[in-house]
Amino acid sequence: MSFDLEGYTTVQERLAEFYKTYPDGSLQFEFMGVLDGSPLMMWGIARAYRTPEDTRPGIGTAAELIEGKTPYTRGSELQNLETSAWGRACASLNIGLSKGIASKQEVQAAKERQAPGPKITPPMETDPWALNPPIEDDIGGAPHCQHGVMTRKTGTNKQGQPYGGWVCGSGGNGENCAAKWDRS
């Protein structure tokens, strides 16, 4: 399929038009985490407030790969997600819709995703916060303890540091086995 990128509005053009039309406007972004059902993707929501009192802002959502596939996206994945969501929020206010809601960058990214490349098989569970790969059993699945299959637990501690590991699945009966944390 051939894409003609001419005529598609860039996010930069949408943002310029937004601030020209709404000089008191504000674009806000909220990171929502890993996309349910797609552990290799993250998503977020942007709101385009036309005024400080705007009770019905333009809203846009976007999803991006947690790990960028190109040298241009690797290392700036969250910024790309934020920019895409801003472009969608502006589009919801009828800004930059010459060829549709998709921005020039979104159309280009779709084209790149369709390009043939190596097949990547995602792991059974991906933890974007893990500093080391999770400890798994011999067959590549979740490890087991004397109570059965262990459960994956991830989060952020009180100091804001990410953690992840496998915990006993005993159901809280007080006989938990030692956890297998990703980093020790």
Protein backbone atom coordinates (compact mmCIF):
# COMPACT_ATOMS: atom_id res chain seq x y z
CA MET A 1 0.00 0.00 0.00
CA SER A 2 1.32 3.40 -0.94
CA PHE A 3 1.02 6.34 1.44
CA ASP A 4 0.98 9.91 0.24
CA LEU A 5 2.18 11.98 3.20
CA GLU A 6 1.58 15.26 1.41
CA GLY A 7 -1.43 17.00 2.84
CA TYR A 8 -1.23 15.36 6.26
CA THR A 9 -0.76 17.87 9.05
CA THR A 10 2.17 17.43 11.42
CA VAL A 11 1.66 17.54 15.17
CA GLN A 12 3.91 20.61 15.24
CA GLU A 13 1.52 22.38 12.83
CA ARG A 14 -1.47 21.35 14.95
CA LEU A 15 0.16 22.70 18.11
CA ALA A 16 1.00 26.00 16.43
CA GLU A 17 -2.59 26.34 15.20
CA PHE A 18 -3.94 25.42 18.65
CA TYR A 19 -1.93 28.11 20.42
CA LYS A 20 -2.69 30.66 17.69
CA THR A 21 -6.42 29.98 18.02
CA TYR A 22 -6.37 29.60 21.82
CA PRO A 23 -3.53 31.78 23.18
CA ASP A 24 -4.63 31.03 26.77
CA GLY A 25 -4.85 27.31 26.01
CA SER A 26 -2.92 24.53 27.68
CA LEU A 27 -2.03 20.99 26.58
CA GLN A 28 -1.82 18.46 29.40
CA PHE A 29 -0.69 14.81 29.22
CA GLU A 30 -1.32 11.88 31.55
CA PHE A 31 0.68 8.64 31.26
CA MET A 32 -1.67 5.69 31.74
CA GLY A 33 0.80 2.77 31.82
CA VAL A 34 1.08 -0.48 29.88
CA LEU A 35 -1.74 -1.12 27.43
CA ASP A 36 -4.02 -3.96 28.60
CA GLY A 37 -3.67 -6.97 26.34
CA SER A 38 -0.55 -5.60 24.66
CA PRO A 39 2.44 -5.74 27.05
CA LEU A 40 4.81 -4.18 24.52
CA MET A 41 2.75 -0.97 24.29
CA MET A 42 2.17 1.98 26.63
CA TRP A 43 -0.57 4.57 26.38
CA GLY A 44 -1.59 7.99 27.54
CA ILE A 45 -4.28 10.68 27.39
CA ALA A 46 -3.88 14.33 26.41
CA ARG A 47 -6.31 17.14 27.08
CA ALA A 48 -6.37 20.37 25.09
CA TYR A 49 -7.82 23.12 27.29
CA ARG A 50 -8.86 26.16 25.24
CA THR A 51 -8.99 28.39 28.33
CA PRO A 52 -8.13 27.91 32.00
CA GLU A 53 -11.88 27.51 32.66
CA ASP A 54 -12.47 24.95 29.85
CA THR A 55 -14.67 22.18 31.28
CA ARG A 56 -14.83 20.17 28.04
CA PRO A 57 -11.28 20.03 26.65
CA GLY A 58 -10.36 18.24 23.47
CA ILE A 59 -9.21 14.73 24.39
CA GLY A 60 -6.81 12.49 22.52
CA THR A 61 -5.30 9.11 23.31
CA ALA A 62 -2.25 7.44 21.85
CA ALA A 63 -0.24 4.24 22.24
CA GLU A 64 3.43 3.65 21.47
CA LEU A 65 5.86 0.77 21.73
CA ILE A 66 7.56 0.71 25.13
CA GLU A 67 10.86 0.19 23.34
CA GLY A 68 11.28 2.20 20.13
CA LYS A 69 12.15 0.24 16.99
CA THR A 70 14.35 2.86 15.34
CA PRO A 71 17.34 4.93 16.46
CA TYR A 72 15.05 7.98 16.25
CA THR A 73 12.42 6.63 18.63
CA ARG A 74 14.62 4.60 21.01
CA GLY A 75 15.20 6.60 24.16
CA SER A 76 12.37 9.07 23.53
CA GLU A 77 9.39 6.73 23.61
CA LEU A 78 7.48 8.62 26.31
CA GLN A 79 8.01 11.95 24.56
CA ASN A 80 6.72 10.45 21.30
CA LEU A 81 3.67 9.13 23.15
CA GLU A 82 2.99 12.56 24.65
CA THR A 83 3.36 14.30 21.28
CA SER A 84 1.03 11.84 19.55
CA ALA A 85 -1.63 12.29 22.23
CA TRP A 86 -1.35 16.10 21.97
CA GLY A 87 -1.87 15.86 18.20
CA ARG A 88 -4.99 13.76 18.71
CA ALA A 89 -6.34 16.16 21.35
CA CYS A 90 -5.93 19.07 18.92
CA ALA A 91 -7.61 17.04 16.17
CA SER A 92 -10.60 16.47 18.46
CA LEU A 93 -11.02 20.28 18.39
CA ASN A 94 -11.07 20.23 14.56
CA ILE A 95 -7.49 21.45 14.28
CA GLY A 96 -5.40 20.21 11.37
CA LEU A 97 -7.86 17.79 9.80
CA SER A 98 -6.91 18.30 6.15
CA LYS A 99 -6.84 14.54 5.42
CA GLY A 100 -8.22 13.08 8.63
CA ILE A 101 -7.50 12.68 12.29
CA ALA A 102 -4.16 10.90 11.83
CA SER A 103 -1.15 13.18 11.81
CA LYS A 104 1.68 12.93 9.31
CA GLN A 105 3.81 11.25 11.99
CA GLU A 106 1.11 8.65 12.73
CA VAL A 107 0.76 7.76 9.05
CA GLN A 108 4.55 7.45 8.72
CA ALA A 109 4.73 5.26 11.85
CA ALA A 110 1.98 3.00 10.47
CA LYS A 111 3.94 2.64 7.25
CA GLU A 112 7.09 1.69 9.18
CA ARG A 113 5.19 -0.89 11.27
CA GLN A 114 4.03 -2.58 8.06
CA ALA A 115 7.56 -2.90 6.70
CA PRO A 116 8.85 -6.48 6.80
CA GLY A 117 11.28 -7.20 9.55
CA PRO A 118 12.29 -9.91 11.93
CA LYS A 119 9.43 -11.60 13.71
CA ILE A 120 9.52 -10.69 17.38
CA THR A 121 7.86 -13.10 19.77
CA PRO A 122 6.90 -11.27 22.95
CA PRO A 123 7.77 -12.97 26.24
CA MET A 124 5.00 -14.48 28.32
CA GLU A 125 5.03 -11.35 30.46
CA THR A 126 6.91 -8.12 29.90
CA ASP A 127 7.89 -5.87 32.76
CA PRO A 128 9.07 -2.49 31.42
CA TRP A 129 10.43 -1.52 34.85
CA ALA A 130 12.62 -4.59 35.42
CA LEU A 131 16.34 -3.83 35.39
CA ASN A 132 17.16 -7.50 34.81
CA PRO A 133 15.13 -10.20 33.09
CA PRO A 134 12.74 -12.06 35.39
CA ILE A 135 13.77 -15.36 36.91
CA GLU A 136 11.87 -18.15 35.18
CA ASP A 137 11.81 -21.93 35.30
CA ASP A 138 13.36 -24.35 32.80
CA ILE A 139 10.49 -24.19 30.31
CA GLY A 140 10.32 -20.39 30.11
CA GLY A 141 7.16 -19.89 32.16
CA ALA A 142 6.48 -18.67 35.66
CA PRO A 143 8.60 -20.32 38.38
CA HIS A 144 7.02 -22.68 40.87
CA CYS A 145 7.34 -23.03 44.62
CA GLN A 146 6.05 -25.75 46.95
CA HIS A 147 2.57 -24.14 46.72
CA GLY A 148 2.41 -24.11 42.90
CA VAL A 149 2.88 -21.41 40.27
CA MET A 150 4.38 -18.16 41.54
CA THR A 151 2.73 -14.81 40.72
CA ARG A 152 4.45 -11.88 39.01
CA LYS A 153 4.47 -8.68 41.10
CA THR A 154 5.71 -5.28 39.90
CA GLY A 155 5.39 -1.72 41.09
CA THR A 156 7.18 1.29 42.48
CA ASN A 157 8.42 1.49 46.08
CA LYS A 158 8.08 4.48 48.42
CA GLN A 159 11.34 5.92 47.10
CA GLY A 160 9.97 5.84 43.54
CA GLN A 161 12.19 2.93 42.44
CA PRO A 162 10.69 0.20 40.25
CA TYR A 163 10.69 -3.39 41.44
CA GLY A 164 9.58 -6.72 40.05
CA GLY A 165 9.74 -10.38 40.89
CA TRP A 166 7.89 -13.60 41.56
CA VAL A 167 6.01 -14.21 44.82
CA CYS A 168 4.50 -17.31 46.37
CA GLY A 169 0.96 -18.07 45.27
CA SER A 170 -0.08 -19.71 48.57
CA GLY A 171 -3.08 -17.41 48.86
CA GLY A 172 -1.91 -15.62 52.00
CA ASN A 173 -2.20 -18.55 54.43
CA GLY A 174 0.99 -17.45 56.18
CA GLU A 175 3.20 -20.10 54.60
CA ASN A 176 4.68 -18.01 51.78
CA CYS A 177 7.90 -19.14 50.13
CA ALA A 178 10.76 -16.73 49.51
CA ALA A 179 10.14 -14.29 46.68
CA LYS A 180 12.38 -14.37 43.58
CA TRP A 181 13.09 -10.68 42.87
CA ASP A 182 14.53 -9.54 39.53
CA ARG A 183 17.42 -7.78 41.25
CA SER A 184 18.89 -8.74 44.53
